[in-house]
Amino acid sequence: MADHPGHRIAARRQSRRMTQRDLAVAAHLSLGMIRHIEQGTRAPSPSALESIAAALGVDPARLDPGFAGTAHRVHATLPSISAAIAGYGIRLDPPARRREEPRREVRTASSQPRAQLTSSMPSCSPRYSTTAHGTSSGSSGRNRPM
């Protein structure tokens, strides 16, 4: 049988005097998965290979020379994700507010009775009014998830 990642994994594991069970526990994988990978009946997923490599204390590329790490795959997909977001016309950078604006609005709100919140803070985000008083206006006493 050709040299596959499972052979390299088994060799590294044995050189570290680990059992398959030890490796499975250290890599947070099932014993069956480790057995199948080492036998060559199952190819390790990139995340499984990274877990096994971490448990063995080696670079994943040492176990599988063709390994393209998770970071590489993520970075490779970023341009298509950015293009998809641009297609929806979503602004990624919201309009900036000066730092003192929300602080001032929250301070003002916390010093006033709740009934005055609506009239005194129309521009303040509900998140700030929830933070200031524990509830948002009109919410029957329960906090809304932020």
Foldseek 3Di string as FASTA:
>chain_A
DDDALLCVLVVLCVVVVHDLVQLCVQLVHDSVVNVCCNVVVDPDDLSSLVSSCVSSVHDSCSSPVPDDHPVNVVVVCVVVVVVVVVVVVDDPDPDDDDPVVLVVLLVVLLVDDPVCNCVSCVPHDQVSNCVSPVDGPPDVNHHDDD
